[in-house]
Amino acid sequence: MAANRLRPARVLFLVAPGEQPMFTRMNLPPFGTGVVTAGLRAAGFDVDLHDLNSDLSRMWHAGDFVKTDLRPFYDERAVVEFVGGAPDDFLDTFAGRLLAGKDVAAADVVGISAGGDFSFLEMNSAVVLGAHIKRHYGKPVVLGGNNLDYLMQFKDAFHRWWTACLRHFDGAVTGPGEDVFVDLVRGLAGSRALLPMARPGVARMLGDTVVRAPDAVHRILPPDFDGLELSDYHNFVLDRPEASPRKRAVDEQLNRMQLYRFPSYLSWLANEANAANEGQGVSGKLVVPYVFNYNCPYSCAFCTESLERTKLVHATVDEVVGHMAALSEKYDTPYFFLFNNYFNLVNGFVEEFSSRAVLNGVELNWSDCGRFNSLTYERLAMLADAGCRKLTFGLETASTKMLKIIDKRVKLAEAERVLRWCKEVGIWADLEIITGMPHEDAENFAETTDFLERNAEYINYFNVNRYFVAPKSLMGARPEAYGMRLRKFPDAAQRLLDANYRWLADDLDWSYKPQNFRVYEFDEIDGRSAEQLADDIGPKIAKLNAIQSNDFMDAWYVLSIRQNRPNRAPSRLTNETMALT
């Protein structure tokens, strides 16, 4: 039905729930949804925004279900058939319970974010909700969210899922949505015909083939979270305004450790511990996610941005400082997580941002990704003065051979200098490490562990990543050129769903999640089989974990004791995702 001409079109915008509320508190409002909401509201639409993670959390804590009840969401056939019109009392009823209190009937269009956390519960609950809404309310439904890009990359493995969605929903946006959603809503609310391929990043069926148009260009917008229950995302920090300046300074340093120094799984645990003392020198604060640049000028062969070159999008210094200052004031918080490709992407930006933030008296705390190139001691000191608490660098490997193969363009001597300087100016430095790449031998791996051990006093934490084949990367598109022969499995989707259900049902802690990127396995050409690579990876990950600072393990045990949790190691240290072979 066309929207009443006398009022703006109404969009019910839903964030599909994932597993996190069943493990720990949510700690960040949904950034992508906030940006699309900002675009829709700027275009004059009335947006009714809801994050159904909040509803799932309340249902979970009320004891309305147990984890094993959710088995149907991890059954590809059940979900696909429900989307196609088959009855399923559990899925239909559960979707209705999640939507309780939402004014679906008043909406002209329903947008559903399938999330961005590579969670199958997010993806499948999104389409179950969409099918429920189509069945009971007859509303146009548009899907979006970064998870759709993931599913599109592996569209051969998820062909049944895509076919069901594209035949029964009114749109699926697989790329930037801040402008595309506006265009789709205008068409659907106005009851005019839609031509999906005319819209960037919108998927459709061409015969039996799933295709999409090239992505839209990102636009830099500050997120708009109005309508969400923001207390659901609070990070609980020390807050004693009556204390002496010295004690408040100590409190703030502890808050920064919780939010920035700790790895995410430990930060979540600390948040749970502090929440028990709310109102007793502890208060809830929002941490605001924000992005001001997209796309990368480098072509690291494993990365999804290496195959297709896209235009760099970067906000001006005035826009960035203005957005962050306005968000800080609006949401009453000095804390930010930035999710840029890397902060020092544009020449001169570090100096301009730092001086503008300091001169304008903008007091912020933030973390972001960084690149070793072009960072000097002076620039790092300026960033620390402007509120930078942590930078995460993508080192990936310290093997000179592997760095050359993946075209990383990192100079190890420069990396070591930057790590040392970060320590000196008071910025925590994290690293991303990848192991299990094709033809990474014992000598190459030893170069990485030697680097980590040699620089241990300067490295705060490093994330251990097991290599996976990304179809949108150079390595994924040209596997033979990188010494790989891919293995694809007709039942890969259900195998991944089964592994995710086992993880959920086993009730592991939130420090570990299945690696849902690993849809394909590979054999090395003239080298190891996939089975041999799987045997090799466990000892490598154990060796890397053994190099981590003991500070985090000590904090884990202390926080676990405070919350009467089982006295066991984080699940991430004792579990490795399944192989598809």
Protein backbone atom coordinates (compact mmCIF):
# COMPACT_ATOMS: atom_id res chain seq x y z
CA MET A 1 0.00 0.00 0.00
CA ALA A 2 1.33 3.45 -0.87
CA ALA A 3 2.20 5.70 2.03
CA ASN A 4 -0.30 8.45 2.88
CA ARG A 5 0.80 11.52 0.91
CA LEU A 6 0.19 13.72 3.95
CA ARG A 7 2.80 12.02 6.10
CA PRO A 8 6.34 10.73 5.59
CA ALA A 9 6.74 7.06 4.84
CA ARG A 10 7.28 4.95 7.95
CA VAL A 11 10.14 2.51 8.09
CA LEU A 12 10.27 -0.15 10.77
CA PHE A 13 13.99 -0.89 11.02
CA LEU A 14 14.98 -4.05 12.91
CA VAL A 15 18.35 -5.48 13.88
CA ALA A 16 18.16 -9.29 13.86
CA PRO A 17 19.48 -10.90 17.07
CA GLY A 18 22.64 -12.98 17.37
CA GLU A 19 24.11 -15.13 20.08
CA GLN A 20 25.86 -12.44 22.15
CA PRO A 21 22.95 -11.64 24.53
CA MET A 22 23.00 -15.27 25.70
CA PHE A 23 26.67 -14.97 26.73
CA THR A 24 27.38 -11.42 27.84
CA ARG A 25 26.14 -7.85 27.80
CA MET A 26 26.01 -5.98 24.53
CA ASN A 27 28.70 -3.31 24.48
CA LEU A 28 28.22 -1.39 21.21
CA PRO A 29 25.12 -0.05 19.48
CA PRO A 30 24.78 -1.27 15.86
CA PHE A 31 26.91 1.09 13.78
CA GLY A 32 25.79 0.17 10.25
CA THR A 33 22.13 0.33 11.21
CA GLY A 34 22.76 3.69 12.87
CA VAL A 35 24.28 5.07 9.66
CA VAL A 36 21.43 3.81 7.47
CA THR A 37 18.95 5.24 9.98
CA ALA A 38 20.72 8.60 9.76
CA GLY A 39 20.41 8.51 5.96
CA LEU A 40 16.72 7.59 6.06
CA ARG A 41 15.87 10.30 8.60
CA ALA A 42 17.85 12.91 6.67
CA ALA A 43 15.75 11.98 3.63
CA GLY A 44 12.57 12.71 5.59
CA PHE A 45 11.45 9.20 6.53
CA ASP A 46 9.94 8.33 9.90
CA VAL A 47 12.15 5.52 11.25
CA ASP A 48 11.04 3.25 14.09
CA LEU A 49 14.34 1.62 15.15
CA HIS A 50 14.63 -1.55 17.26
CA ASP A 51 17.54 -3.83 18.08
CA LEU A 52 16.02 -7.24 18.70
CA ASN A 53 19.15 -8.31 20.56
CA SER A 54 17.62 -6.36 23.44
CA ASP A 55 14.43 -8.40 23.17
CA LEU A 56 16.34 -11.69 22.94
CA SER A 57 18.34 -10.68 26.01
CA ARG A 58 15.21 -10.05 28.04
CA MET A 59 13.66 -13.33 26.88
CA TRP A 60 16.87 -15.19 27.76
CA HIS A 61 17.19 -13.71 31.24
CA ALA A 62 13.50 -14.34 31.91
CA GLY A 63 14.07 -18.03 31.22
CA ASP A 64 11.69 -18.06 28.23
CA PHE A 65 13.92 -20.48 26.33
CA VAL A 66 17.16 -22.42 26.58
CA LYS A 67 19.95 -22.44 24.01
CA THR A 68 19.08 -25.86 22.65
CA ASP A 69 15.57 -24.61 21.79
CA LEU A 70 17.15 -22.59 18.99
CA ARG A 71 18.21 -25.66 16.98
CA PRO A 72 15.79 -24.85 14.09
CA PHE A 73 17.69 -21.60 13.39
CA TYR A 74 20.74 -23.77 12.63
CA ASP A 75 18.87 -26.05 10.22
CA GLU A 76 19.30 -24.81 6.65
CA ARG A 77 16.36 -26.77 5.31
CA ALA A 78 13.98 -25.61 8.04
CA VAL A 79 14.87 -21.94 7.54
CA VAL A 80 14.79 -22.03 3.75
CA GLU A 81 11.46 -23.84 3.67
CA PHE A 82 9.93 -21.44 6.20
CA VAL A 83 11.02 -18.48 4.07
CA GLY A 84 9.45 -20.24 1.09
CA GLY A 85 6.08 -20.54 2.82
CA ALA A 86 6.21 -23.86 4.65
CA PRO A 87 4.70 -23.91 8.16
CA ASP A 88 7.00 -24.07 11.17
CA ASP A 89 5.29 -23.37 14.46
CA PHE A 90 8.50 -22.83 16.43
CA LEU A 91 10.13 -20.37 14.01
CA ASP A 92 6.88 -18.49 13.44
CA THR A 93 6.07 -18.24 17.15
CA PHE A 94 9.61 -17.24 18.14
CA ALA A 95 9.63 -14.47 15.53
CA GLY A 96 6.29 -13.24 16.86
CA ARG A 97 7.67 -13.11 20.39
CA LEU A 98 10.67 -11.08 19.25
CA LEU A 99 8.32 -8.64 17.51
CA ALA A 100 5.99 -8.23 20.48
CA GLY A 101 5.27 -4.55 21.07
CA LYS A 102 6.60 -3.45 17.65
CA ASP A 103 4.09 -1.57 15.50
CA VAL A 104 4.59 -3.63 12.35
CA ALA A 105 1.14 -2.76 11.04
CA ALA A 106 1.94 0.97 10.92
CA ALA A 107 5.06 0.50 8.75
CA ASP A 108 5.09 1.15 5.03
CA VAL A 109 8.39 -0.72 4.62
CA VAL A 110 10.31 -3.02 6.97
CA GLY A 111 14.11 -3.03 6.86
CA ILE A 112 15.96 -5.86 8.60
CA SER A 113 19.67 -5.85 9.28
CA ALA A 114 21.12 -9.36 9.20
CA GLY A 115 23.97 -8.06 11.35
CA GLY A 116 27.70 -7.90 10.79
CA ASP A 117 29.18 -10.33 13.30
CA PHE A 118 29.34 -13.36 10.96
CA SER A 119 26.72 -15.03 13.13
CA PHE A 120 24.34 -17.59 11.63
CA LEU A 121 21.72 -16.75 14.22
CA GLU A 122 21.82 -13.14 12.98
CA MET A 123 21.50 -14.21 9.35
CA ASN A 124 18.80 -16.82 9.82
CA SER A 125 16.76 -14.90 12.39
CA ALA A 126 16.72 -11.99 9.90
CA VAL A 127 15.06 -14.06 7.19
CA VAL A 128 12.74 -15.83 9.65
CA LEU A 129 11.57 -12.42 10.89
CA GLY A 130 11.13 -11.25 7.31
CA ALA A 131 9.07 -14.31 6.41
CA HIS A 132 6.90 -13.86 9.52
CA ILE A 133 6.26 -10.22 8.61
CA LYS A 134 5.42 -11.04 5.00
CA ARG A 135 3.10 -13.86 6.11
CA HIS A 136 1.21 -12.01 8.86
CA TYR A 137 1.39 -8.36 7.78
CA GLY A 138 2.08 -8.35 4.03
CA LYS A 139 4.68 -5.60 4.33
CA PRO A 140 7.55 -5.01 1.88
CA VAL A 141 10.77 -6.36 3.44
CA VAL A 142 14.32 -5.25 2.59
CA LEU A 143 17.35 -7.05 4.00
CA GLY A 144 20.77 -5.51 4.64
CA GLY A 145 23.80 -5.80 6.88
CA ASN A 146 27.45 -6.71 6.41
CA ASN A 147 26.64 -10.40 6.84
CA LEU A 148 24.97 -10.29 3.42
CA ASP A 149 28.30 -9.39 1.85
CA TYR A 150 29.80 -12.45 3.56
CA LEU A 151 27.02 -14.67 2.27
CA MET A 152 27.39 -13.20 -1.21
CA GLN A 153 31.10 -13.99 -1.30
CA PHE A 154 30.25 -17.65 -0.66
CA LYS A 155 27.06 -17.63 -2.70
CA ASP A 156 27.77 -21.08 -4.13
CA ALA A 157 27.73 -22.57 -0.61
CA PHE A 158 24.62 -20.57 0.40
CA HIS A 159 22.76 -20.80 -2.90
CA ARG A 160 19.56 -22.25 -1.36
CA TRP A 161 19.50 -19.47 1.25
CA TRP A 162 19.96 -16.77 -1.38
CA THR A 163 17.39 -18.26 -3.74
CA ALA A 164 14.73 -18.33 -1.03
CA CYS A 165 15.45 -14.75 0.06
CA LEU A 166 15.55 -13.20 -3.40
CA ARG A 167 12.33 -14.90 -4.48
CA HIS A 168 10.33 -13.92 -1.40
CA PHE A 169 11.67 -10.56 -0.17
CA ASP A 170 11.58 -7.16 -1.85
CA GLY A 171 15.28 -6.29 -1.73
CA ALA A 172 18.65 -7.42 -0.38
CA VAL A 173 21.41 -4.83 -0.06
CA THR A 174 24.85 -6.43 0.07
CA GLY A 175 26.99 -3.29 0.21
CA PRO A 176 26.82 0.25 1.64
CA GLY A 177 23.20 1.02 2.41
CA GLU A 178 23.08 4.66 3.46
CA ASP A 179 21.80 5.82 0.04
CA VAL A 180 20.51 2.55 -1.47
CA PHE A 181 18.00 2.00 1.35
CA VAL A 182 16.62 5.49 0.79
CA ASP A 183 16.05 4.71 -2.89
CA LEU A 184 14.45 1.33 -2.17
CA VAL A 185 12.12 2.73 0.48
CA ARG A 186 10.99 5.51 -1.84
CA GLY A 187 10.09 2.96 -4.46
CA LEU A 188 8.41 0.46 -2.16
CA ALA A 189 6.48 3.04 -0.13
CA GLY A 190 5.34 4.70 -3.35
CA SER A 191 4.29 1.39 -4.96
CA ARG A 192 6.40 2.01 -8.05
CA ALA A 193 8.21 -0.75 -9.88
CA LEU A 194 11.72 -1.56 -8.72
CA LEU A 195 14.59 -2.51 -11.00
CA PRO A 196 17.08 -4.17 -8.62
CA MET A 197 20.10 -4.18 -10.92
CA ALA A 198 19.75 -0.43 -11.41
CA ARG A 199 20.60 -0.02 -7.73
CA PRO A 200 24.19 -0.47 -6.54
CA GLY A 201 24.84 -3.46 -4.32
CA VAL A 202 21.34 -4.94 -4.66
CA ALA A 203 21.20 -8.70 -5.27
CA ARG A 204 18.78 -10.54 -7.57
CA MET A 205 18.26 -13.84 -9.35
CA LEU A 206 19.24 -14.11 -13.02
CA GLY A 207 17.70 -17.44 -13.90
CA ASP A 208 19.13 -19.77 -11.26
CA THR A 209 22.20 -17.59 -10.65
CA VAL A 210 22.59 -15.18 -7.75
CA VAL A 211 24.04 -11.86 -8.96
CA ARG A 212 24.48 -8.36 -7.61
CA ALA A 213 25.28 -4.96 -9.02
CA PRO A 214 28.56 -3.25 -8.02
CA ASP A 215 28.44 -1.72 -4.55
CA ALA A 216 27.42 1.84 -3.88
CA VAL A 217 30.00 4.36 -2.71
CA HIS A 218 30.08 4.92 1.03
CA ARG A 219 29.01 8.28 2.44
CA ILE A 220 30.42 9.43 5.78
CA LEU A 221 27.59 9.94 8.25
CA PRO A 222 27.52 9.99 12.04
CA PRO A 223 25.29 7.17 13.30
CA ASP A 224 21.86 7.91 14.69
CA PHE A 225 20.81 5.58 17.51
CA ASP A 226 17.70 7.47 18.61
CA GLY A 227 14.94 5.01 19.47
CA LEU A 228 17.23 2.31 20.85
CA GLU A 229 17.34 1.51 24.55
CA LEU A 230 20.89 2.80 24.94
CA SER A 231 21.31 1.51 28.48
CA ASP A 232 21.38 -1.98 26.95
CA TYR A 233 24.81 -1.12 25.48
CA HIS A 234 26.34 0.46 28.56
CA ASN A 235 29.92 -0.26 29.49
CA PHE A 236 30.14 0.03 33.26
CA VAL A 237 33.10 2.13 34.37
CA LEU A 238 34.37 3.75 37.54
CA ASP A 239 32.73 7.12 38.10
CA ARG A 240 33.31 8.94 41.41
CA PRO A 241 32.83 12.69 40.85
CA GLU A 242 33.17 13.33 44.60
CA ALA A 243 36.64 11.74 44.74
CA SER A 244 39.89 13.70 44.73
CA PRO A 245 41.48 14.59 41.36
CA ARG A 246 44.20 12.01 41.97
CA LYS A 247 41.68 9.21 42.60
CA ARG A 248 39.60 10.23 39.59
CA ALA A 249 42.73 10.09 37.45
CA VAL A 250 43.43 6.56 38.71
CA ASP A 251 39.81 5.59 38.00
CA GLU A 252 40.06 6.90 34.46
CA GLN A 253 43.24 4.95 33.82
CA LEU A 254 41.48 1.78 35.00
CA ASN A 255 38.53 2.59 32.72
CA ARG A 256 40.87 2.95 29.77
CA MET A 257 42.44 -0.39 30.58
CA GLN A 258 39.02 -2.05 30.64
CA LEU A 259 37.85 -0.49 27.38
CA TYR A 260 41.06 -0.32 25.37
CA ARG A 261 43.87 -2.39 26.83
CA PHE A 262 41.93 -5.57 27.50
CA PRO A 263 41.12 -7.84 24.54
CA SER A 264 37.41 -7.82 23.79
CA TYR A 265 36.57 -11.04 25.63
CA LEU A 266 38.23 -9.75 28.80
CA SER A 267 36.65 -6.31 28.47
CA TRP A 268 33.23 -7.98 28.35
CA LEU A 269 34.03 -9.94 31.50
CA ALA A 270 35.15 -6.78 33.32
CA ASN A 271 31.97 -5.05 32.21
CA GLU A 272 29.87 -7.83 33.74
CA ALA A 273 31.81 -7.55 37.01
CA ASN A 274 31.40 -3.76 37.21
CA ALA A 275 27.70 -3.87 36.34
CA ALA A 276 27.02 -5.56 39.67
CA ASN A 277 28.20 -2.35 41.39
CA GLU A 278 26.22 0.17 39.39
CA GLY A 279 25.43 3.21 41.53
CA GLN A 280 28.28 2.46 43.94
CA GLY A 281 31.02 4.44 42.23
CA VAL A 282 30.20 2.77 38.91
CA SER A 283 28.02 4.12 36.09
CA GLY A 284 27.11 3.02 32.59
CA LYS A 285 28.64 4.83 29.62
CA LEU A 286 28.08 4.34 25.94
CA VAL A 287 31.06 3.57 23.70
CA VAL A 288 30.23 5.05 20.31
CA PRO A 289 31.33 3.29 17.10
CA TYR A 290 32.36 5.62 14.26
CA VAL A 291 33.99 5.35 10.83
CA PHE A 292 35.40 8.20 8.75
CA ASN A 293 37.26 6.36 5.98
CA TYR A 294 36.48 3.42 3.74
CA ASN A 295 38.47 1.35 1.26
CA CYS A 296 42.20 0.76 1.20
CA PRO A 297 44.93 1.78 -1.28
CA TYR A 298 46.92 -1.40 -0.58
CA SER A 299 46.35 -4.84 -2.12
CA CYS A 300 47.22 -7.41 0.55
CA ALA A 301 46.53 -10.65 -1.32
CA PHE A 302 44.45 -12.29 1.45
CA CYS A 303 42.17 -9.25 1.92
CA THR A 304 38.71 -8.83 0.40
CA GLU A 305 39.72 -5.37 -0.83
CA SER A 306 42.62 -6.68 -2.94
CA LEU A 307 40.64 -7.94 -5.94
CA GLU A 308 38.44 -4.99 -6.81
CA ARG A 309 39.86 -1.52 -6.44
CA THR A 310 37.35 0.98 -5.07
CA LYS A 311 37.54 4.70 -4.56
CA LEU A 312 38.96 5.93 -1.26
CA VAL A 313 36.31 7.69 0.83
CA HIS A 314 37.55 9.94 3.64
CA ALA A 315 35.88 12.66 5.66
CA THR A 316 37.56 16.02 6.15
CA VAL A 317 39.22 16.85 9.46
CA ASP A 318 36.44 19.34 10.25
CA GLU A 319 33.80 16.67 9.61
CA VAL A 320 35.56 14.07 11.76
CA VAL A 321 36.16 16.38 14.73
CA GLY A 322 32.67 17.83 14.38
CA HIS A 323 31.02 14.41 14.24
CA MET A 324 32.94 13.05 17.22
CA ALA A 325 32.34 16.16 19.31
CA ALA A 326 28.62 16.12 18.51
CA LEU A 327 28.29 12.39 19.22
CA SER A 328 30.18 12.80 22.50
CA GLU A 329 27.82 15.54 23.60
CA LYS A 330 24.64 13.84 22.35
CA TYR A 331 25.35 10.52 24.04
CA ASP A 332 27.20 11.97 27.04
CA THR A 333 30.38 9.94 26.62
CA PRO A 334 34.08 10.52 25.87
CA TYR A 335 34.59 6.94 24.63
CA PHE A 336 34.81 5.82 20.99
CA PHE A 337 35.77 2.74 19.01
CA LEU A 338 36.85 3.74 15.51
CA PHE A 339 36.63 1.08 12.80
CA ASN A 340 38.54 2.67 9.95
CA ASN A 341 40.78 0.86 7.50
CA TYR A 342 43.49 2.67 9.38
CA PHE A 343 43.67 6.06 11.04
CA ASN A 344 46.76 7.42 9.26
CA LEU A 345 45.46 6.66 5.77
CA VAL A 346 45.76 10.20 4.36
CA ASN A 347 48.97 12.23 4.47
CA GLY A 348 48.75 15.12 6.92
CA PHE A 349 45.59 13.87 8.60
CA VAL A 350 47.31 12.91 11.87
CA GLU A 351 48.70 16.41 12.39
CA GLU A 352 45.49 18.20 11.41
CA PHE A 353 43.20 16.02 13.48
CA SER A 354 45.41 16.12 16.56
CA SER A 355 45.90 19.88 16.53
CA ARG A 356 42.22 20.55 15.82
CA ALA A 357 41.02 18.23 18.60
CA VAL A 358 43.45 19.70 21.15
CA LEU A 359 42.83 23.34 20.20
CA ASN A 360 39.05 22.87 20.26
CA GLY A 361 39.24 21.27 23.70
CA VAL A 362 37.58 18.06 22.52
CA GLU A 363 38.36 15.50 25.23
CA LEU A 364 38.02 12.04 23.74
CA ASN A 365 39.27 8.50 24.24
CA TRP A 366 39.45 6.29 21.17
CA SER A 367 41.05 3.30 19.49
CA ASP A 368 41.51 2.49 15.80
CA CYS A 369 43.55 0.52 13.31
CA GLY A 370 46.87 1.95 12.21
CA ARG A 371 49.57 1.25 9.65
CA PHE A 372 53.26 1.35 10.49
CA ASN A 373 54.09 3.37 7.38
CA SER A 374 54.64 7.09 8.00
CA LEU A 375 54.15 6.97 11.77
CA THR A 376 56.86 8.86 13.61
CA TYR A 377 57.43 9.36 17.33
CA GLU A 378 56.13 12.93 17.01
CA ARG A 379 52.96 11.86 15.24
CA LEU A 380 52.25 9.15 17.77
CA ALA A 381 52.76 11.64 20.62
CA MET A 382 50.26 13.96 18.94
CA LEU A 383 47.73 11.13 18.66
CA ALA A 384 48.15 10.28 22.33
CA ASP A 385 47.47 13.93 23.24
CA ALA A 386 44.36 13.81 21.04
CA GLY A 387 42.92 10.82 22.91
CA CYS A 388 44.34 7.77 21.12
CA ARG A 389 44.50 4.92 23.63
CA LYS A 390 45.16 1.96 21.33
CA LEU A 391 46.19 1.24 17.73
CA THR A 392 45.84 -2.17 16.11
CA PHE A 393 48.35 -2.93 13.36
CA GLY A 394 47.96 -5.61 10.71
CA LEU A 395 51.38 -7.23 10.80
CA GLU A 396 49.96 -10.65 9.77
CA THR A 397 53.40 -12.34 9.66
CA ALA A 398 57.03 -11.50 10.38
CA SER A 399 58.31 -13.87 7.69
CA THR A 400 59.97 -11.88 4.94
CA LYS A 401 58.97 -14.57 2.42
CA MET A 402 55.32 -14.55 3.45
CA LEU A 403 55.18 -10.74 3.57
CA LYS A 404 56.35 -10.67 -0.03
CA ILE A 405 53.88 -13.35 -1.13
CA ILE A 406 50.89 -11.49 0.32
CA ASP A 407 52.26 -8.09 -0.81
CA LYS A 408 51.92 -6.65 2.70
CA ARG A 409 54.50 -3.87 2.20
CA VAL A 410 55.60 -3.80 5.82
CA LYS A 411 59.19 -3.15 6.85
CA LEU A 412 59.90 -5.14 9.98
CA ALA A 413 62.50 -2.71 11.31
CA GLU A 414 59.97 0.12 10.96
CA ALA A 415 57.30 -1.99 12.68
CA GLU A 416 59.61 -2.57 15.65
CA ARG A 417 60.37 1.14 15.96
CA VAL A 418 56.68 2.07 15.89
CA LEU A 419 55.83 -0.53 18.53
CA ARG A 420 58.53 0.85 20.80
CA TRP A 421 57.39 4.43 20.24
CA CYS A 422 53.76 3.50 21.03
CA LYS A 423 54.93 2.17 24.38
CA GLU A 424 56.90 5.34 25.07
CA VAL A 425 54.02 7.75 24.33
CA GLY A 426 51.38 5.68 26.15
CA ILE A 427 49.45 4.09 23.27
CA TRP A 428 48.70 0.39 23.58
CA ALA A 429 49.74 -1.45 20.43
CA ASP A 430 47.87 -4.56 19.31
CA LEU A 431 48.73 -6.74 16.32
CA GLU A 432 46.80 -8.94 13.91
CA ILE A 433 48.61 -12.21 13.19
CA ILE A 434 47.62 -14.77 10.55
CA THR A 435 48.88 -18.34 10.60
CA GLY A 436 48.08 -21.27 8.33
CA MET A 437 48.66 -19.51 5.03
CA PRO A 438 49.61 -21.77 2.12
CA HIS A 439 53.26 -22.85 2.16
CA GLU A 440 53.97 -21.24 5.53
CA ASP A 441 56.66 -23.61 6.78
CA ALA A 442 58.27 -24.03 10.19
CA GLU A 443 61.00 -21.50 9.41
CA ASN A 444 58.48 -18.86 8.32
CA PHE A 445 56.39 -19.46 11.43
CA ALA A 446 59.47 -19.22 13.65
CA GLU A 447 60.25 -15.79 12.20
CA THR A 448 56.83 -14.62 13.42
CA THR A 449 57.15 -16.10 16.90
CA ASP A 450 60.69 -14.71 17.21
CA PHE A 451 59.39 -11.24 16.33
CA LEU A 452 56.60 -11.48 18.90
CA GLU A 453 58.94 -12.68 21.64
CA ARG A 454 61.57 -10.08 20.80
CA ASN A 455 59.02 -7.26 21.02
CA ALA A 456 56.86 -8.66 23.80
CA GLU A 457 57.41 -5.68 26.11
CA TYR A 458 56.03 -3.32 23.44
CA ILE A 459 53.09 -5.43 22.25
CA ASN A 460 49.91 -5.15 24.28
CA TYR A 461 48.03 -8.05 22.68
CA PHE A 462 47.90 -9.85 19.36
CA ASN A 463 44.86 -11.43 17.75
CA VAL A 464 45.57 -14.91 16.38
CA ASN A 465 43.74 -15.51 13.10
CA ARG A 466 43.65 -18.79 11.21
CA TYR A 467 43.93 -18.13 7.49
CA PHE A 468 40.75 -18.60 5.46
CA VAL A 469 40.14 -18.30 1.73
CA ALA A 470 38.13 -15.17 0.89
CA PRO A 471 36.66 -15.40 -2.64
CA LYS A 472 36.83 -11.61 -3.08
CA SER A 473 40.59 -11.61 -2.46
CA LEU A 474 43.44 -12.13 -4.92
CA MET A 475 44.30 -15.40 -3.19
CA GLY A 476 40.70 -16.59 -3.37
CA ALA A 477 40.19 -15.60 -6.99
CA ARG A 478 43.55 -17.01 -8.16
CA PRO A 479 44.32 -19.83 -5.73
CA GLU A 480 46.72 -21.69 -8.04
CA ALA A 481 48.92 -18.60 -8.31
CA TYR A 482 49.36 -18.80 -4.51
CA GLY A 483 49.97 -22.53 -4.40
CA MET A 484 46.46 -23.64 -3.41
CA ARG A 485 43.93 -26.10 -4.77
CA LEU A 486 40.53 -25.35 -3.27
CA ARG A 487 38.15 -27.92 -1.83
CA LYS A 488 34.48 -27.03 -1.92
CA PHE A 489 31.73 -29.06 -0.28
CA PRO A 490 28.09 -29.30 -1.38
CA ASP A 491 26.93 -29.38 2.24
CA ALA A 492 29.28 -26.68 3.55
CA ALA A 493 26.42 -24.47 4.75
CA GLN A 494 24.88 -27.14 6.96
CA ARG A 495 28.29 -28.23 8.28
CA LEU A 496 28.95 -24.67 9.40
CA LEU A 497 25.48 -24.43 10.94
CA ASP A 498 26.04 -27.69 12.82
CA ALA A 499 29.37 -26.43 14.18
CA ASN A 500 27.74 -23.19 15.33
CA TYR A 501 24.94 -25.08 17.05
CA ARG A 502 27.44 -27.33 18.86
CA TRP A 503 29.28 -24.22 20.07
CA LEU A 504 26.02 -22.72 21.33
CA ALA A 505 24.80 -25.93 22.96
CA ASP A 506 28.18 -26.64 24.60
CA ASP A 507 27.79 -23.32 26.45
CA LEU A 508 31.34 -22.14 25.88
CA ASP A 509 32.24 -18.61 26.97
CA TRP A 510 32.16 -15.67 24.57
CA SER A 511 35.95 -15.61 24.12
CA TYR A 512 35.60 -18.24 21.40
CA LYS A 513 33.39 -18.32 18.32
CA PRO A 514 33.49 -20.67 15.33
CA GLN A 515 35.41 -19.33 12.33
CA ASN A 516 32.52 -18.97 9.92
CA PHE A 517 34.80 -17.53 7.24
CA ARG A 518 36.32 -20.95 6.62
CA VAL A 519 33.81 -22.17 4.06
CA TYR A 520 36.52 -23.68 1.82
CA GLU A 521 39.50 -25.86 2.62
CA PHE A 522 42.59 -26.12 0.43
CA ASP A 523 45.47 -28.42 -0.40
CA GLU A 524 48.89 -26.96 -1.08
CA ILE A 525 50.04 -27.61 -4.64
CA ASP A 526 53.11 -29.81 -4.32
CA GLY A 527 52.78 -29.63 -0.55
CA ARG A 528 50.53 -30.58 2.35
CA SER A 529 46.96 -31.80 2.13
CA ALA A 530 44.09 -30.03 3.88
CA GLU A 531 44.18 -32.76 6.52
CA GLN A 532 47.89 -32.20 7.16
CA LEU A 533 47.35 -28.45 7.37
CA ALA A 534 44.59 -29.03 9.93
CA ASP A 535 46.97 -31.17 11.99
CA ASP A 536 49.64 -28.48 11.84
CA ILE A 537 47.47 -25.54 12.87
CA GLY A 538 46.72 -26.59 16.46
CA PRO A 539 50.34 -26.55 17.70
CA LYS A 540 50.92 -23.23 15.91
CA ILE A 541 47.99 -21.55 17.62
CA ALA A 542 49.04 -23.03 20.97
CA LYS A 543 52.56 -21.65 20.49
CA LEU A 544 51.22 -18.19 19.67
CA ASN A 545 48.84 -18.19 22.64
CA ALA A 546 51.74 -19.13 24.93
CA ILE A 547 53.53 -15.90 23.95
CA GLN A 548 50.66 -13.66 25.06
CA SER A 549 51.13 -11.53 28.14
CA ASN A 550 50.25 -13.36 31.37
CA ASP A 551 48.51 -10.19 32.56
CA PHE A 552 45.37 -11.08 30.63
CA MET A 553 45.14 -14.61 31.97
CA ASP A 554 45.61 -13.32 35.52
CA ALA A 555 42.84 -10.76 34.98
CA TRP A 556 40.57 -13.46 33.53
CA TYR A 557 40.89 -15.63 36.62
CA VAL A 558 40.39 -12.70 39.04
CA LEU A 559 37.28 -11.49 37.21
CA SER A 560 35.93 -15.05 36.96
CA ILE A 561 36.28 -15.50 40.72
CA ARG A 562 34.49 -12.20 41.36
CA GLN A 563 31.52 -13.46 39.33
CA ASN A 564 31.51 -17.04 40.64
CA ARG A 565 32.27 -18.35 37.15
CA PRO A 566 33.94 -21.73 36.55
CA ASN A 567 37.68 -21.48 37.18
CA ARG A 568 38.77 -22.50 33.70
CA ALA A 569 40.83 -21.02 30.90
CA PRO A 570 39.13 -18.89 28.23
CA SER A 571 37.51 -21.14 25.61
CA ARG A 572 39.51 -19.43 22.87
CA LEU A 573 42.66 -21.06 24.25
CA THR A 574 41.26 -24.60 24.33
CA ASN A 575 39.08 -24.78 21.20
CA GLU A 576 39.73 -24.70 17.49
CA THR A 577 37.03 -24.56 14.85
CA MET A 578 36.08 -27.64 12.89
CA ALA A 579 37.50 -28.62 9.52
CA LEU A 580 35.02 -29.20 6.73
CA THR A 581 36.93 -32.23 5.53
